[in-house]
């Protein structure tokens, strides 16, 4: 099992205001507890022992909340300046102790039977893949808006559809080799460029997410998800 994960938690979460006026998005409660706790609980269940959490906006709230967890080792990667997803990952990469490692968007919330991290681990094929994505079928997204980011080919490759006409939405969960950051820029950049590069090299793969992943981006979507989970 790959034992290290990285949770992207530095963003402003501006679309979820007013919930994020006083808390970073990963700290917003869903089903009675912060989103980030749902993520970490699933990581622990999968056997992950270390997690790096990057912080920027209201970062002390996340840091103080996580300091009392003793079921997993938590490393905080603080960003003085917001570095976007790629820059934030590269900044915190020296803390990551396994290769490959899991990367999770800090606002990812899902309900499933089984464990997506175990499934990614089981499907990992390092000889022909640098990044393995979890993709949610758009047709299954009812409570939150789905966008057709990707198609999955018959041989399990992910193809990004720039016109958003794809059958699947990226669920913000992936397994990634450290080497994808070789020759990457310093500072502010999006991890999407690393995913596109892997696709160009025929090394971006995907599995279909079998549970319910919710793309919570607005107060209305948050309220719908919470109401459905009561």
Protein backbone atom coordinates (compact mmCIF):
# COMPACT_ATOMS: atom_id res chain seq x y z
CA UNK A 1 0.00 0.00 0.00
CA UNK A 2 1.23 3.49 -0.80
CA UNK A 3 1.30 5.11 2.60
CA UNK A 4 1.39 8.87 1.99
CA UNK A 5 -1.37 11.20 0.83
CA UNK A 6 -1.49 14.91 0.08
CA UNK A 7 -4.68 16.91 0.71
CA UNK A 8 -4.96 20.19 -1.19
CA UNK A 9 -6.43 22.62 1.33
CA UNK A 10 -4.97 26.03 0.55
CA UNK A 11 -7.68 27.51 -1.67
CA UNK A 12 -10.03 30.37 -0.89
CA UNK A 13 -13.31 28.51 -1.49
CA UNK A 14 -14.87 31.77 -2.65
CA UNK A 15 -17.85 30.16 -4.44
CA UNK A 16 -19.01 28.62 -1.15
CA UNK A 17 -19.37 31.91 0.67
CA UNK A 18 -20.73 32.74 3.21
CA UNK A 19 -19.73 29.32 4.62
CA UNK A 20 -16.09 30.04 3.80
CA UNK A 21 -16.04 33.58 5.19
CA UNK A 22 -14.94 32.20 8.54
CA UNK A 23 -13.55 28.75 7.69
CA UNK A 24 -11.51 27.21 4.85
CA UNK A 25 -13.56 24.97 2.57
CA UNK A 26 -12.13 21.66 3.90
CA UNK A 27 -13.43 22.63 7.35
CA UNK A 28 -17.03 23.13 6.18
CA UNK A 29 -19.23 20.44 7.79
CA UNK A 30 -20.94 17.80 5.68
CA UNK A 31 -23.01 15.14 7.43
CA UNK A 32 -22.00 16.59 10.77
CA UNK A 33 -18.22 16.84 10.46
CA UNK A 34 -15.64 18.75 8.41
CA UNK A 35 -14.97 17.51 4.89
CA UNK A 36 -11.28 17.02 5.68
CA UNK A 37 -12.13 14.58 8.47
CA UNK A 38 -14.18 12.46 6.08
CA UNK A 39 -11.16 12.32 3.76
CA UNK A 40 -8.67 11.43 6.48
CA UNK A 41 -10.96 8.77 7.93
CA UNK A 42 -11.04 7.03 4.54
CA UNK A 43 -7.25 7.33 4.22
CA UNK A 44 -6.76 5.72 7.63
CA UNK A 45 -9.16 2.93 6.66
CA UNK A 46 -7.04 2.30 3.55
CA UNK A 47 -3.84 1.95 5.59
CA UNK A 48 -2.33 5.35 4.78
CA UNK A 49 -0.03 6.41 7.64
CA UNK A 50 1.11 9.92 6.62
CA UNK A 51 -0.75 12.86 5.13
CA UNK A 52 0.56 16.26 4.07
CA UNK A 53 -1.99 19.07 4.20
CA UNK A 54 -1.13 22.35 2.48
CA UNK A 55 -2.61 25.52 3.94
CA UNK A 56 -2.94 29.19 3.09
CA UNK A 57 -6.39 30.76 3.54
CA UNK A 58 -7.33 30.59 7.26
CA UNK A 59 -4.70 27.89 7.56
CA UNK A 60 -4.44 28.05 11.34
CA UNK A 61 -8.02 26.76 11.60
CA UNK A 62 -7.06 23.58 9.75
CA UNK A 63 -3.79 23.25 11.64
CA UNK A 64 -5.41 23.60 15.04
CA UNK A 65 -8.23 21.23 14.15
CA UNK A 66 -5.89 18.45 13.01
CA UNK A 67 -3.30 18.68 15.78
CA UNK A 68 -5.23 16.33 18.06
CA UNK A 69 -5.57 13.47 15.57
CA UNK A 70 -3.34 10.58 16.63
CA UNK A 71 -4.45 7.92 14.11
CA UNK A 72 -2.26 9.28 11.31
CA UNK A 73 0.85 11.44 11.08
CA UNK A 74 -0.07 14.87 9.73
CA UNK A 75 2.45 17.24 8.13
CA UNK A 76 1.40 20.82 7.45
CA UNK A 77 2.86 22.50 4.36
CA UNK A 78 2.23 26.21 4.76
CA UNK A 79 2.12 28.51 1.75
CA UNK A 80 2.93 32.16 2.38
CA UNK A 81 1.70 32.92 -1.14
CA UNK A 82 -1.01 30.88 -2.82
CA UNK A 83 0.70 28.52 -5.27
CA UNK A 84 -2.30 26.82 -6.97
CA UNK A 85 -2.59 23.04 -7.06
CA UNK A 86 0.61 22.20 -8.93
CA UNK A 87 2.76 24.75 -7.14
CA UNK A 88 1.36 23.73 -3.77
CA UNK A 89 2.08 20.07 -4.41
CA UNK A 90 5.62 20.78 -5.58
CA UNK A 91 6.25 23.00 -2.54
CA UNK A 92 5.19 20.19 -0.20
CA UNK A 93 6.68 17.30 -2.18
CA UNK A 94 9.79 16.97 0.07
CA UNK A 95 7.48 15.88 2.92
CA UNK A 96 6.02 12.97 0.93
CA UNK A 97 7.45 9.60 2.00
CA UNK A 98 5.96 7.19 -0.57
CA UNK A 99 6.14 7.02 -4.34
CA UNK A 100 3.56 7.05 -5.80
CA UNK A 101 1.27 8.94 -3.43
CA UNK A 102 -2.40 9.85 -3.24
CA UNK A 103 -3.57 13.40 -3.99
CA UNK A 104 -7.02 14.54 -2.87
CA UNK A 105 -8.76 17.87 -3.31
CA UNK A 106 -9.59 19.21 0.14
CA UNK A 107 -13.24 19.74 -0.80
CA UNK A 108 -13.82 16.20 -2.12
CA UNK A 109 -16.76 14.49 -0.46
CA UNK A 110 -18.08 11.06 -1.38
CA UNK A 111 -20.07 8.11 -0.10
CA UNK A 112 -19.15 4.58 -1.16
CA UNK A 113 -19.06 0.92 -0.31
CA UNK A 114 -15.44 -0.15 -0.10
CA UNK A 115 -12.57 2.33 -0.36
CA UNK A 116 -11.45 4.29 -3.44
CA UNK A 117 -7.85 4.43 -2.24
CA UNK A 118 -7.65 0.65 -2.06
CA UNK A 119 -9.20 0.43 -5.53
CA UNK A 120 -6.67 2.87 -7.00
CA UNK A 121 -3.88 0.85 -5.38
CA UNK A 122 -5.23 -2.38 -6.86
CA UNK A 123 -5.49 -0.88 -10.36
CA UNK A 124 -2.11 0.88 -10.36
CA UNK A 125 0.12 -0.16 -13.29
CA UNK A 126 3.38 1.79 -12.94
CA UNK A 127 4.86 0.51 -16.19
CA UNK A 128 2.30 2.35 -18.31
CA UNK A 129 0.85 5.00 -16.02
CA UNK A 130 2.13 8.08 -14.18
CA UNK A 131 -1.22 9.35 -12.85
CA UNK A 132 -4.34 7.30 -12.12
CA UNK A 133 -7.58 9.28 -11.75
CA UNK A 134 -10.91 8.48 -10.11
CA UNK A 135 -13.69 9.68 -12.42
CA UNK A 136 -17.38 10.00 -11.56
CA UNK A 137 -20.04 9.26 -14.22
CA UNK A 138 -21.83 12.54 -14.91
CA UNK A 139 -25.16 10.71 -15.28
CA UNK A 140 -24.98 9.68 -11.61
CA UNK A 141 -24.59 13.23 -10.33
CA UNK A 142 -27.97 14.40 -9.07
CA UNK A 143 -27.37 16.56 -6.01
CA UNK A 144 -24.53 18.60 -7.51
CA UNK A 145 -23.73 19.76 -11.03
CA UNK A 146 -21.67 17.37 -13.13
CA UNK A 147 -19.26 18.46 -15.85
CA UNK A 148 -17.94 16.12 -18.55
CA UNK A 149 -14.22 16.56 -17.94
CA UNK A 150 -13.07 13.19 -19.31
CA UNK A 151 -13.87 10.09 -21.30
CA UNK A 152 -12.38 6.70 -20.40
CA UNK A 153 -11.10 4.60 -23.29
CA UNK A 154 -11.59 0.85 -23.57
CA UNK A 155 -8.03 0.29 -22.33
CA UNK A 156 -8.47 2.50 -19.27
CA UNK A 157 -6.87 5.73 -20.47
CA UNK A 158 -8.28 9.14 -19.52
CA UNK A 159 -8.92 11.65 -22.32
CA UNK A 160 -9.74 15.22 -21.31
CA UNK A 161 -12.61 16.79 -23.22
CA UNK A 162 -11.87 20.50 -23.32
CA UNK A 163 -15.44 21.25 -24.43
CA UNK A 164 -16.71 19.40 -21.32
CA UNK A 165 -18.62 16.89 -23.43
CA UNK A 166 -17.18 13.85 -21.66
CA UNK A 167 -19.01 11.09 -19.82
CA UNK A 168 -17.11 11.53 -16.53
CA UNK A 169 -16.12 14.27 -14.11
CA UNK A 170 -12.80 14.33 -12.31
CA UNK A 171 -13.49 13.48 -8.66
CA UNK A 172 -10.41 15.20 -7.23
CA UNK A 173 -8.81 11.88 -6.20
CA UNK A 174 -5.72 10.43 -7.87
CA UNK A 175 -2.59 8.30 -7.42
CA UNK A 176 0.54 9.96 -8.77
CA UNK A 177 4.26 9.35 -9.28
CA UNK A 178 6.63 11.95 -7.88
CA UNK A 179 8.44 12.02 -11.22
CA UNK A 180 5.58 13.96 -12.86
CA UNK A 181 7.06 17.04 -11.17
CA UNK A 182 10.40 16.64 -12.95
CA UNK A 183 11.04 19.76 -15.05
CA UNK A 184 7.90 21.43 -13.70
CA UNK A 185 7.96 25.19 -13.04
CA UNK A 186 8.48 26.75 -9.65
CA UNK A 187 5.87 28.91 -8.00
CA UNK A 188 2.24 29.22 -9.12
CA UNK A 189 0.90 26.61 -11.57
CA UNK A 190 -2.00 24.19 -11.93
CA UNK A 191 -1.63 20.43 -11.54
CA UNK A 192 -3.91 20.12 -14.57
CA UNK A 193 -0.85 20.83 -16.71
CA UNK A 194 0.80 17.71 -15.23
CA UNK A 195 -2.31 15.66 -16.02
CA UNK A 196 -2.35 16.96 -19.59
CA UNK A 197 1.33 16.15 -20.01
CA UNK A 198 0.74 12.61 -18.75
CA UNK A 199 -2.11 12.26 -21.25
CA UNK A 200 0.08 13.52 -24.08
CA UNK A 201 2.60 10.81 -23.16
CA UNK A 202 -0.15 8.15 -23.00
CA UNK A 203 0.44 7.76 -19.27
CA UNK A 204 -2.82 9.11 -17.79
CA UNK A 205 -5.20 6.35 -16.71
CA UNK A 206 -8.54 6.28 -14.92
CA UNK A 207 -10.99 4.09 -13.07
CA UNK A 208 -14.70 4.74 -12.71
CA UNK A 209 -15.79 5.80 -9.26
CA UNK A 210 -18.45 3.37 -8.05
CA UNK A 211 -19.90 5.43 -5.19
CA UNK A 212 -21.47 8.86 -5.03
CA UNK A 213 -19.05 11.76 -5.28
CA UNK A 214 -20.51 15.21 -4.84
CA UNK A 215 -19.02 18.33 -6.42
CA UNK A 216 -19.89 20.79 -3.65
CA UNK A 217 -19.14 24.26 -5.00
CA UNK A 218 -22.07 26.47 -3.97
CA UNK A 219 -24.11 26.99 -0.77
CA UNK A 220 -27.14 25.50 -2.53
CA UNK A 221 -25.26 22.32 -3.40
CA UNK A 222 -23.92 22.03 0.14
CA UNK A 223 -27.43 22.37 1.54
CA UNK A 224 -28.80 19.73 -0.87
CA UNK A 225 -26.09 17.23 0.06
CA UNK A 226 -26.54 17.78 3.78
CA UNK A 227 -30.31 17.44 3.48
CA UNK A 228 -30.01 14.20 1.49
CA UNK A 229 -27.66 12.70 4.07
CA UNK A 230 -29.89 13.36 7.06
